[in-house]
Amino acid sequence: MIQAMERIQPIVQHPRFQDWLRQMDALEAERIYCRHGLPHLLDVARIAALLAVERGASYPRDMIYAAALLHDLGRLAQYTSGIPHAQAGVPMAQTLLHETAFTAQEQEEILRAVSCHRTGDTSDSLAQIIFEADHASRMCFACDAADTCYWPAQRRNQTVLL
């Protein structure tokens, strides 16, 4: 059986993934608001893994990490073409997932998490966990740019607790 985190390496080491992260870093270099590079993706992954354990969710940790690592890739298309990033990220994530050992059903669940991470859903799905982890990863309560942030107050994370 493949070790759990071995399914993540093809994503993290993929030249396209690395290139997309470099492009994201360049596009967000002067951004004063939350950024969407590897530190954010890993924060979301770790928080999502904690949420899954707390809820007794049965998702393998590497599946949670895959969804978290892929959830914001569509930001590139949003910045360059105006396409909503949750929508634009699905084909990008799909490209990378085809080169992993995730099953078709797992890939479908990961892609649903990518496409729904902005809105969540009403179930205790991976999409909902990524949605909540994405929100919890934001440190709005300590942000120097909060006065000019476009996020409404009710969407901002105001706590350090999950």
N, C-alpha and C. Protein backbone atom coordinates (compact mmCIF):
# COMPACT_ATOMS: atom_id res chain seq x y z
N MET A 1 0.84 -1.19 0.00
CA MET A 1 0.00 0.00 0.00
C MET A 1 0.88 1.25 0.00
N ILE A 2 0.46 2.24 -0.73
CA ILE A 2 1.21 3.49 -0.81
C ILE A 2 1.10 4.23 0.51
N GLN A 3 2.22 4.70 1.03
CA GLN A 3 2.20 5.50 2.25
C GLN A 3 1.37 6.75 2.01
N ALA A 4 0.65 7.16 3.02
CA ALA A 4 -0.32 8.25 2.88
C ALA A 4 0.25 9.51 2.22
N MET A 5 1.33 10.03 2.71
CA MET A 5 1.81 11.30 2.18
C MET A 5 2.55 11.14 0.85
N GLU A 6 2.81 9.93 0.43
CA GLU A 6 3.43 9.71 -0.88
C GLU A 6 2.50 10.16 -2.01
N ARG A 7 1.20 10.21 -1.75
CA ARG A 7 0.28 10.64 -2.79
C ARG A 7 0.32 12.17 -2.96
N ILE A 8 0.89 12.85 -1.99
CA ILE A 8 1.00 14.31 -2.06
C ILE A 8 2.23 14.74 -2.86
N GLN A 9 3.29 13.96 -2.79
CA GLN A 9 4.54 14.35 -3.45
C GLN A 9 4.38 14.65 -4.94
N PRO A 10 3.62 13.87 -5.70
CA PRO A 10 3.46 14.22 -7.12
C PRO A 10 2.83 15.60 -7.34
N ILE A 11 2.04 16.06 -6.38
CA ILE A 11 1.46 17.40 -6.49
C ILE A 11 2.52 18.45 -6.15
N VAL A 12 3.11 18.32 -4.99
CA VAL A 12 4.07 19.32 -4.50
C VAL A 12 5.28 19.43 -5.41
N GLN A 13 5.71 18.32 -5.96
CA GLN A 13 6.91 18.32 -6.80
C GLN A 13 6.60 18.55 -8.29
N HIS A 14 5.35 18.64 -8.64
CA HIS A 14 4.98 18.80 -10.04
C HIS A 14 5.47 20.16 -10.55
N PRO A 15 6.13 20.18 -11.70
CA PRO A 15 6.63 21.46 -12.25
C PRO A 15 5.53 22.51 -12.44
N ARG A 16 4.34 22.08 -12.83
CA ARG A 16 3.25 23.05 -13.00
C ARG A 16 2.83 23.65 -11.66
N PHE A 17 2.70 22.81 -10.65
CA PHE A 17 2.34 23.30 -9.31
C PHE A 17 3.37 24.32 -8.84
N GLN A 18 4.63 23.97 -8.96
CA GLN A 18 5.69 24.87 -8.53
C GLN A 18 5.68 26.17 -9.33
N ASP A 19 5.45 26.06 -10.63
CA ASP A 19 5.38 27.25 -11.48
C ASP A 19 4.19 28.11 -11.11
N TRP A 20 3.03 27.49 -10.87
CA TRP A 20 1.84 28.24 -10.49
C TRP A 20 2.06 28.97 -9.17
N LEU A 21 2.75 28.32 -8.21
CA LEU A 21 3.03 29.00 -6.95
C LEU A 21 3.97 30.18 -7.15
N ARG A 22 4.97 30.02 -8.01
CA ARG A 22 5.88 31.14 -8.31
C ARG A 22 5.11 32.30 -8.94
N GLN A 23 4.22 31.99 -9.87
CA GLN A 23 3.41 33.04 -10.50
C GLN A 23 2.52 33.73 -9.46
N MET A 24 1.93 32.94 -8.58
CA MET A 24 1.07 33.50 -7.53
C MET A 24 1.88 34.43 -6.63
N ASP A 25 3.06 33.98 -6.23
CA ASP A 25 3.91 34.81 -5.38
C ASP A 25 4.25 36.13 -6.08
N ALA A 26 4.54 36.06 -7.36
CA ALA A 26 4.87 37.28 -8.12
C ALA A 26 3.66 38.21 -8.22
N LEU A 27 2.49 37.66 -8.50
CA LEU A 27 1.28 38.48 -8.62
C LEU A 27 0.88 39.10 -7.28
N GLU A 28 1.21 38.44 -6.20
CA GLU A 28 0.81 38.93 -4.88
C GLU A 28 1.96 39.61 -4.12
N ALA A 29 3.07 39.83 -4.76
CA ALA A 29 4.26 40.37 -4.09
C ALA A 29 3.98 41.69 -3.37
N GLU A 30 3.16 42.53 -3.95
CA GLU A 30 2.86 43.84 -3.35
C GLU A 30 1.51 43.85 -2.63
N ARG A 31 0.87 42.72 -2.56
CA ARG A 31 -0.46 42.63 -1.94
C ARG A 31 -0.35 42.86 -0.43
N ILE A 32 -1.19 43.73 0.10
CA ILE A 32 -1.17 44.00 1.54
C ILE A 32 -2.17 43.12 2.29
N TYR A 33 -3.02 42.44 1.55
CA TYR A 33 -4.03 41.57 2.16
C TYR A 33 -3.51 40.13 2.20
N CYS A 34 -4.37 39.22 2.60
CA CYS A 34 -3.99 37.81 2.67
C CYS A 34 -3.41 37.34 1.35
N ARG A 35 -2.38 36.54 1.45
CA ARG A 35 -1.76 35.96 0.26
C ARG A 35 -2.17 34.50 0.16
N HIS A 36 -1.89 33.90 -1.00
CA HIS A 36 -2.39 32.56 -1.28
C HIS A 36 -1.30 31.59 -1.70
N GLY A 37 -0.10 31.82 -1.24
CA GLY A 37 1.03 30.96 -1.57
C GLY A 37 1.09 29.73 -0.67
N LEU A 38 2.22 29.05 -0.70
CA LEU A 38 2.38 27.80 0.03
C LEU A 38 2.13 27.93 1.54
N PRO A 39 2.57 29.00 2.20
CA PRO A 39 2.26 29.09 3.64
C PRO A 39 0.75 29.05 3.91
N HIS A 40 -0.04 29.76 3.12
CA HIS A 40 -1.49 29.73 3.30
C HIS A 40 -2.05 28.34 3.02
N LEU A 41 -1.60 27.72 1.94
CA LEU A 41 -2.10 26.40 1.58
C LEU A 41 -1.82 25.38 2.67
N LEU A 42 -0.63 25.45 3.26
CA LEU A 42 -0.28 24.52 4.34
C LEU A 42 -1.03 24.85 5.63
N ASP A 43 -1.27 26.13 5.90
CA ASP A 43 -2.09 26.48 7.06
C ASP A 43 -3.48 25.87 6.92
N VAL A 44 -4.07 26.00 5.75
CA VAL A 44 -5.39 25.43 5.51
C VAL A 44 -5.35 23.91 5.67
N ALA A 45 -4.32 23.27 5.15
CA ALA A 45 -4.20 21.81 5.26
C ALA A 45 -4.14 21.37 6.71
N ARG A 46 -3.33 22.04 7.49
CA ARG A 46 -3.17 21.64 8.90
C ARG A 46 -4.44 21.89 9.70
N ILE A 47 -5.07 23.02 9.49
CA ILE A 47 -6.32 23.32 10.19
C ILE A 47 -7.40 22.34 9.76
N ALA A 48 -7.48 22.05 8.48
CA ALA A 48 -8.49 21.10 7.98
C ALA A 48 -8.26 19.72 8.58
N ALA A 49 -7.01 19.30 8.70
CA ALA A 49 -6.71 18.00 9.31
C ALA A 49 -7.18 17.96 10.76
N LEU A 50 -6.98 19.05 11.48
CA LEU A 50 -7.46 19.12 12.87
C LEU A 50 -8.99 19.08 12.93
N LEU A 51 -9.63 19.84 12.06
CA LEU A 51 -11.10 19.83 12.03
C LEU A 51 -11.64 18.43 11.74
N ALA A 52 -11.01 17.75 10.79
CA ALA A 52 -11.46 16.40 10.43
C ALA A 52 -11.34 15.46 11.63
N VAL A 53 -10.25 15.54 12.36
CA VAL A 53 -10.07 14.68 13.54
C VAL A 53 -11.12 15.02 14.59
N GLU A 54 -11.32 16.30 14.84
CA GLU A 54 -12.32 16.72 15.84
C GLU A 54 -13.72 16.21 15.50
N ARG A 55 -14.02 16.11 14.22
CA ARG A 55 -15.36 15.70 13.79
C ARG A 55 -15.47 14.20 13.54
N GLY A 56 -14.37 13.51 13.65
CA GLY A 56 -14.40 12.09 13.38
C GLY A 56 -14.58 11.78 11.91
N ALA A 57 -14.22 12.72 11.05
CA ALA A 57 -14.33 12.51 9.60
C ALA A 57 -13.29 11.48 9.17
N SER A 58 -13.65 10.68 8.21
CA SER A 58 -12.79 9.55 7.82
C SER A 58 -11.89 9.84 6.62
N TYR A 59 -11.68 11.09 6.29
CA TYR A 59 -10.84 11.41 5.14
C TYR A 59 -9.37 11.14 5.47
N PRO A 60 -8.66 10.46 4.58
CA PRO A 60 -7.23 10.28 4.79
C PRO A 60 -6.54 11.66 4.82
N ARG A 61 -5.52 11.77 5.64
CA ARG A 61 -4.84 13.05 5.81
C ARG A 61 -4.29 13.57 4.49
N ASP A 62 -3.78 12.68 3.64
CA ASP A 62 -3.22 13.16 2.37
C ASP A 62 -4.31 13.67 1.43
N MET A 63 -5.51 13.17 1.57
CA MET A 63 -6.62 13.67 0.76
C MET A 63 -6.99 15.10 1.21
N ILE A 64 -6.97 15.33 2.51
CA ILE A 64 -7.21 16.66 3.06
C ILE A 64 -6.13 17.62 2.58
N TYR A 65 -4.89 17.16 2.65
CA TYR A 65 -3.77 18.00 2.20
C TYR A 65 -3.87 18.31 0.71
N ALA A 66 -4.25 17.33 -0.08
CA ALA A 66 -4.39 17.56 -1.52
C ALA A 66 -5.42 18.64 -1.79
N ALA A 67 -6.57 18.55 -1.16
CA ALA A 67 -7.62 19.55 -1.35
C ALA A 67 -7.13 20.94 -0.92
N ALA A 68 -6.45 21.00 0.20
CA ALA A 68 -5.96 22.29 0.69
C ALA A 68 -4.87 22.86 -0.21
N LEU A 69 -3.95 22.02 -0.67
CA LEU A 69 -2.88 22.50 -1.54
C LEU A 69 -3.40 23.00 -2.89
N LEU A 70 -4.52 22.46 -3.32
CA LEU A 70 -5.06 22.79 -4.65
C LEU A 70 -6.14 23.86 -4.62
N HIS A 71 -6.68 24.19 -3.45
CA HIS A 71 -7.90 24.99 -3.40
C HIS A 71 -7.78 26.41 -3.96
N ASP A 72 -6.62 27.02 -3.93
CA ASP A 72 -6.49 28.40 -4.39
C ASP A 72 -5.71 28.57 -5.69
N LEU A 73 -5.40 27.51 -6.38
CA LEU A 73 -4.63 27.63 -7.63
C LEU A 73 -5.32 28.51 -8.65
N GLY A 74 -6.63 28.51 -8.66
CA GLY A 74 -7.40 29.29 -9.61
C GLY A 74 -7.24 30.80 -9.44
N ARG A 75 -6.60 31.22 -8.37
CA ARG A 75 -6.34 32.66 -8.18
C ARG A 75 -5.58 33.23 -9.37
N LEU A 76 -4.73 32.43 -10.00
CA LEU A 76 -3.99 32.92 -11.18
C LEU A 76 -4.95 33.39 -12.25
N ALA A 77 -5.94 32.58 -12.56
CA ALA A 77 -6.93 32.94 -13.58
C ALA A 77 -7.79 34.11 -13.11
N GLN A 78 -8.08 34.16 -11.82
CA GLN A 78 -8.88 35.27 -11.30
C GLN A 78 -8.12 36.58 -11.48
N TYR A 79 -6.84 36.57 -11.16
CA TYR A 79 -6.03 37.79 -11.29
C TYR A 79 -5.83 38.19 -12.74
N THR A 80 -5.67 37.23 -13.62
CA THR A 80 -5.34 37.56 -15.01
C THR A 80 -6.56 37.64 -15.93
N SER A 81 -7.64 36.91 -15.61
CA SER A 81 -8.80 36.87 -16.50
C SER A 81 -10.13 37.21 -15.84
N GLY A 82 -10.13 37.35 -14.52
CA GLY A 82 -11.37 37.66 -13.83
C GLY A 82 -12.29 36.49 -13.58
N ILE A 83 -11.83 35.28 -13.90
CA ILE A 83 -12.64 34.08 -13.66
C ILE A 83 -12.62 33.77 -12.16
N PRO A 84 -13.77 33.50 -11.55
CA PRO A 84 -13.77 33.16 -10.12
C PRO A 84 -12.80 32.00 -9.85
N HIS A 85 -11.98 32.17 -8.82
CA HIS A 85 -10.89 31.21 -8.62
C HIS A 85 -11.35 29.81 -8.24
N ALA A 86 -12.47 29.68 -7.57
CA ALA A 86 -12.96 28.34 -7.23
C ALA A 86 -13.33 27.57 -8.50
N GLN A 87 -13.87 28.28 -9.47
CA GLN A 87 -14.23 27.69 -10.76
C GLN A 87 -12.97 27.40 -11.58
N ALA A 88 -12.09 28.37 -11.67
CA ALA A 88 -10.88 28.23 -12.49
C ALA A 88 -9.91 27.19 -11.94
N GLY A 89 -9.97 26.96 -10.64
CA GLY A 89 -9.03 26.03 -10.02
C GLY A 89 -9.32 24.57 -10.29
N VAL A 90 -10.55 24.24 -10.65
CA VAL A 90 -10.92 22.83 -10.86
C VAL A 90 -10.11 22.19 -11.99
N PRO A 91 -10.05 22.75 -13.19
CA PRO A 91 -9.26 22.09 -14.23
C PRO A 91 -7.76 22.08 -13.91
N MET A 92 -7.29 23.10 -13.20
CA MET A 92 -5.87 23.11 -12.80
C MET A 92 -5.60 21.96 -11.84
N ALA A 93 -6.45 21.82 -10.84
CA ALA A 93 -6.30 20.74 -9.86
C ALA A 93 -6.44 19.38 -10.53
N GLN A 94 -7.37 19.28 -11.46
CA GLN A 94 -7.60 18.02 -12.17
C GLN A 94 -6.34 17.58 -12.92
N THR A 95 -5.67 18.54 -13.54
CA THR A 95 -4.43 18.24 -14.26
C THR A 95 -3.41 17.57 -13.34
N LEU A 96 -3.28 18.10 -12.14
CA LEU A 96 -2.30 17.55 -11.20
C LEU A 96 -2.77 16.23 -10.60
N LEU A 97 -4.04 16.12 -10.30
CA LEU A 97 -4.56 14.90 -9.67
C LEU A 97 -4.45 13.69 -10.59
N HIS A 98 -4.47 13.90 -11.89
CA HIS A 98 -4.35 12.77 -12.82
C HIS A 98 -3.02 12.04 -12.67
N GLU A 99 -2.05 12.71 -12.07
CA GLU A 99 -0.72 12.11 -11.92
C GLU A 99 -0.46 11.63 -10.50
N THR A 100 -1.53 11.37 -9.77
CA THR A 100 -1.40 10.89 -8.39
C THR A 100 -2.03 9.50 -8.27
N ALA A 101 -1.91 8.94 -7.09
CA ALA A 101 -2.51 7.63 -6.82
C ALA A 101 -3.88 7.75 -6.15
N PHE A 102 -4.46 8.94 -6.15
CA PHE A 102 -5.80 9.07 -5.60
C PHE A 102 -6.80 8.37 -6.52
N THR A 103 -7.76 7.71 -5.94
CA THR A 103 -8.78 7.02 -6.73
C THR A 103 -9.67 8.05 -7.43
N ALA A 104 -10.45 7.59 -8.40
CA ALA A 104 -11.36 8.48 -9.11
C ALA A 104 -12.36 9.12 -8.14
N GLN A 105 -12.84 8.34 -7.19
CA GLN A 105 -13.80 8.87 -6.21
C GLN A 105 -13.13 9.92 -5.31
N GLU A 106 -11.90 9.67 -4.88
CA GLU A 106 -11.18 10.64 -4.07
C GLU A 106 -10.91 11.92 -4.86
N GLN A 107 -10.53 11.76 -6.12
CA GLN A 107 -10.29 12.93 -6.96
C GLN A 107 -11.56 13.77 -7.09
N GLU A 108 -12.68 13.11 -7.27
CA GLU A 108 -13.96 13.81 -7.38
C GLU A 108 -14.25 14.61 -6.11
N GLU A 109 -14.00 14.01 -4.95
CA GLU A 109 -14.23 14.69 -3.67
C GLU A 109 -13.27 15.87 -3.49
N ILE A 110 -12.03 15.70 -3.89
CA ILE A 110 -11.04 16.79 -3.81
C ILE A 110 -11.45 17.93 -4.74
N LEU A 111 -11.87 17.60 -5.95
CA LEU A 111 -12.28 18.63 -6.90
C LEU A 111 -13.54 19.37 -6.42
N ARG A 112 -14.42 18.65 -5.75
CA ARG A 112 -15.61 19.30 -5.18
C ARG A 112 -15.19 20.28 -4.09
N ALA A 113 -14.19 19.90 -3.30
CA ALA A 113 -13.68 20.79 -2.25
C ALA A 113 -13.07 22.05 -2.87
N VAL A 114 -12.35 21.89 -3.99
CA VAL A 114 -11.78 23.05 -4.68
C VAL A 114 -12.89 23.96 -5.19
N SER A 115 -13.89 23.39 -5.82
CA SER A 115 -14.96 24.20 -6.42
C SER A 115 -15.89 24.82 -5.39
N CYS A 116 -15.99 24.25 -4.20
CA CYS A 116 -16.93 24.74 -3.19
C CYS A 116 -16.25 25.41 -1.99
N HIS A 117 -14.94 25.60 -2.05
CA HIS A 117 -14.27 26.11 -0.86
C HIS A 117 -14.62 27.55 -0.52
N ARG A 118 -15.23 28.27 -1.43
CA ARG A 118 -15.63 29.65 -1.14
C ARG A 118 -17.01 29.73 -0.49
N THR A 119 -17.82 28.73 -0.73
CA THR A 119 -19.19 28.77 -0.22
C THR A 119 -19.47 27.69 0.81
N GLY A 120 -18.66 26.63 0.83
CA GLY A 120 -18.93 25.51 1.70
C GLY A 120 -20.17 24.78 1.25
N ASP A 121 -20.65 23.90 2.06
CA ASP A 121 -21.92 23.24 1.80
C ASP A 121 -22.53 22.87 3.13
N THR A 122 -23.67 22.27 3.12
CA THR A 122 -24.39 22.03 4.37
C THR A 122 -24.01 20.71 5.03
N SER A 123 -23.23 19.90 4.37
CA SER A 123 -22.86 18.61 4.95
C SER A 123 -21.51 18.72 5.64
N ASP A 124 -21.09 17.65 6.24
CA ASP A 124 -19.78 17.60 6.88
C ASP A 124 -18.77 17.03 5.89
N SER A 125 -18.81 17.52 4.68
CA SER A 125 -17.97 17.02 3.60
C SER A 125 -16.58 17.62 3.67
N LEU A 126 -15.71 17.11 2.83
CA LEU A 126 -14.37 17.67 2.71
C LEU A 126 -14.46 19.12 2.24
N ALA A 127 -15.40 19.44 1.36
CA ALA A 127 -15.58 20.82 0.90
C ALA A 127 -15.88 21.75 2.07
N GLN A 128 -16.73 21.31 2.98
CA GLN A 128 -17.08 22.13 4.15
C GLN A 128 -15.87 22.29 5.07
N ILE A 129 -15.11 21.24 5.24
CA ILE A 129 -13.93 21.31 6.10
C ILE A 129 -12.90 22.27 5.51
N ILE A 130 -12.67 22.22 4.20
CA ILE A 130 -11.73 23.14 3.55
C ILE A 130 -12.25 24.57 3.64
N PHE A 131 -13.54 24.77 3.45
CA PHE A 131 -14.15 26.09 3.59
C PHE A 131 -13.88 26.68 4.98
N GLU A 132 -14.13 25.89 6.01
CA GLU A 132 -13.94 26.37 7.37
C GLU A 132 -12.46 26.57 7.70
N ALA A 133 -11.61 25.69 7.22
CA ALA A 133 -10.17 25.83 7.47
C ALA A 133 -9.62 27.06 6.76
N ASP A 134 -10.09 27.32 5.54
CA ASP A 134 -9.66 28.49 4.79
C ASP A 134 -10.00 29.76 5.59
N HIS A 135 -11.20 29.81 6.11
CA HIS A 135 -11.63 30.95 6.91
C HIS A 135 -10.80 31.07 8.19
N ALA A 136 -10.62 29.96 8.89
CA ALA A 136 -9.88 29.98 10.16
C ALA A 136 -8.42 30.34 9.98
N SER A 137 -7.88 30.12 8.78
CA SER A 137 -6.46 30.41 8.54
C SER A 137 -6.20 31.91 8.44
N ARG A 138 -7.22 32.69 8.23
CA ARG A 138 -7.08 34.14 8.09
C ARG A 138 -6.94 34.80 9.45
N MET A 139 -5.99 35.68 9.58
CA MET A 139 -5.78 36.38 10.85
C MET A 139 -6.30 37.80 10.76
N CYS A 140 -7.57 37.94 10.41
CA CYS A 140 -8.19 39.25 10.27
C CYS A 140 -8.08 40.07 11.55
N PHE A 141 -8.13 39.39 12.69
CA PHE A 141 -8.07 40.06 13.98
C PHE A 141 -6.75 40.78 14.22
N ALA A 142 -5.72 40.46 13.44
CA ALA A 142 -4.40 41.07 13.61
C ALA A 142 -3.88 41.70 12.32
N CYS A 143 -4.75 41.93 11.36
CA CYS A 143 -4.33 42.41 10.04
C CYS A 143 -4.14 43.92 10.03
N ASP A 144 -2.99 44.35 9.54
CA ASP A 144 -2.71 45.78 9.42
C ASP A 144 -3.53 46.45 8.32
N ALA A 145 -4.05 45.67 7.39
CA ALA A 145 -4.82 46.23 6.27
C ALA A 145 -6.33 46.09 6.46
N ALA A 146 -6.77 45.74 7.65
CA ALA A 146 -8.19 45.49 7.90
C ALA A 146 -9.07 46.69 7.56
N ASP A 147 -8.56 47.89 7.74
CA ASP A 147 -9.36 49.08 7.48
C ASP A 147 -9.77 49.24 6.02
N THR A 148 -9.00 48.64 5.11
CA THR A 148 -9.31 48.78 3.69
C THR A 148 -9.72 47.46 3.04
N CYS A 149 -9.85 46.41 3.82
CA CYS A 149 -10.22 45.10 3.29
C CYS A 149 -11.67 45.13 2.78
N TYR A 150 -11.90 44.49 1.65
CA TYR A 150 -13.25 44.46 1.07
C TYR A 150 -14.15 43.42 1.73
N TRP A 151 -13.59 42.52 2.54
CA TRP A 151 -14.43 41.51 3.18
C TRP A 151 -15.35 42.17 4.19
N PRO A 152 -16.64 41.82 4.19
CA PRO A 152 -17.54 42.37 5.21
C PRO A 152 -17.16 41.83 6.60
N ALA A 153 -17.49 42.58 7.60
CA ALA A 153 -17.11 42.23 8.98
C ALA A 153 -17.54 40.82 9.37
N GLN A 154 -18.72 40.38 8.94
CA GLN A 154 -19.21 39.06 9.35
C GLN A 154 -18.42 37.91 8.73
N ARG A 155 -17.66 38.17 7.65
CA ARG A 155 -16.85 37.12 7.03
C ARG A 155 -15.45 37.05 7.61
N ARG A 156 -15.05 38.05 8.32
CA ARG A 156 -13.68 38.11 8.83
C ARG A 156 -13.49 37.20 10.04
N ASN A 157 -12.35 36.58 10.09
CA ASN A 157 -12.01 35.73 11.23
C ASN A 157 -11.53 36.63 12.37
N GLN A 158 -12.21 36.58 13.46
CA GLN A 158 -11.87 37.44 14.60
C GLN A 158 -11.36 36.67 15.81
N THR A 159 -10.98 35.40 15.60
CA THR A 159 -10.55 34.60 16.73
C THR A 159 -9.34 33.74 16.36
N VAL A 160 -8.56 33.39 17.38
CA VAL A 160 -7.43 32.49 17.16
C VAL A 160 -7.85 31.04 17.33
N LEU A 161 -9.03 30.81 17.85
CA LEU A 161 -9.51 29.45 18.07
C LEU A 161 -10.23 28.92 16.87
N LEU A 162 -10.21 27.59 16.72
CA LEU A 162 -10.98 26.95 15.65
C LEU A 162 -12.44 26.92 16.01
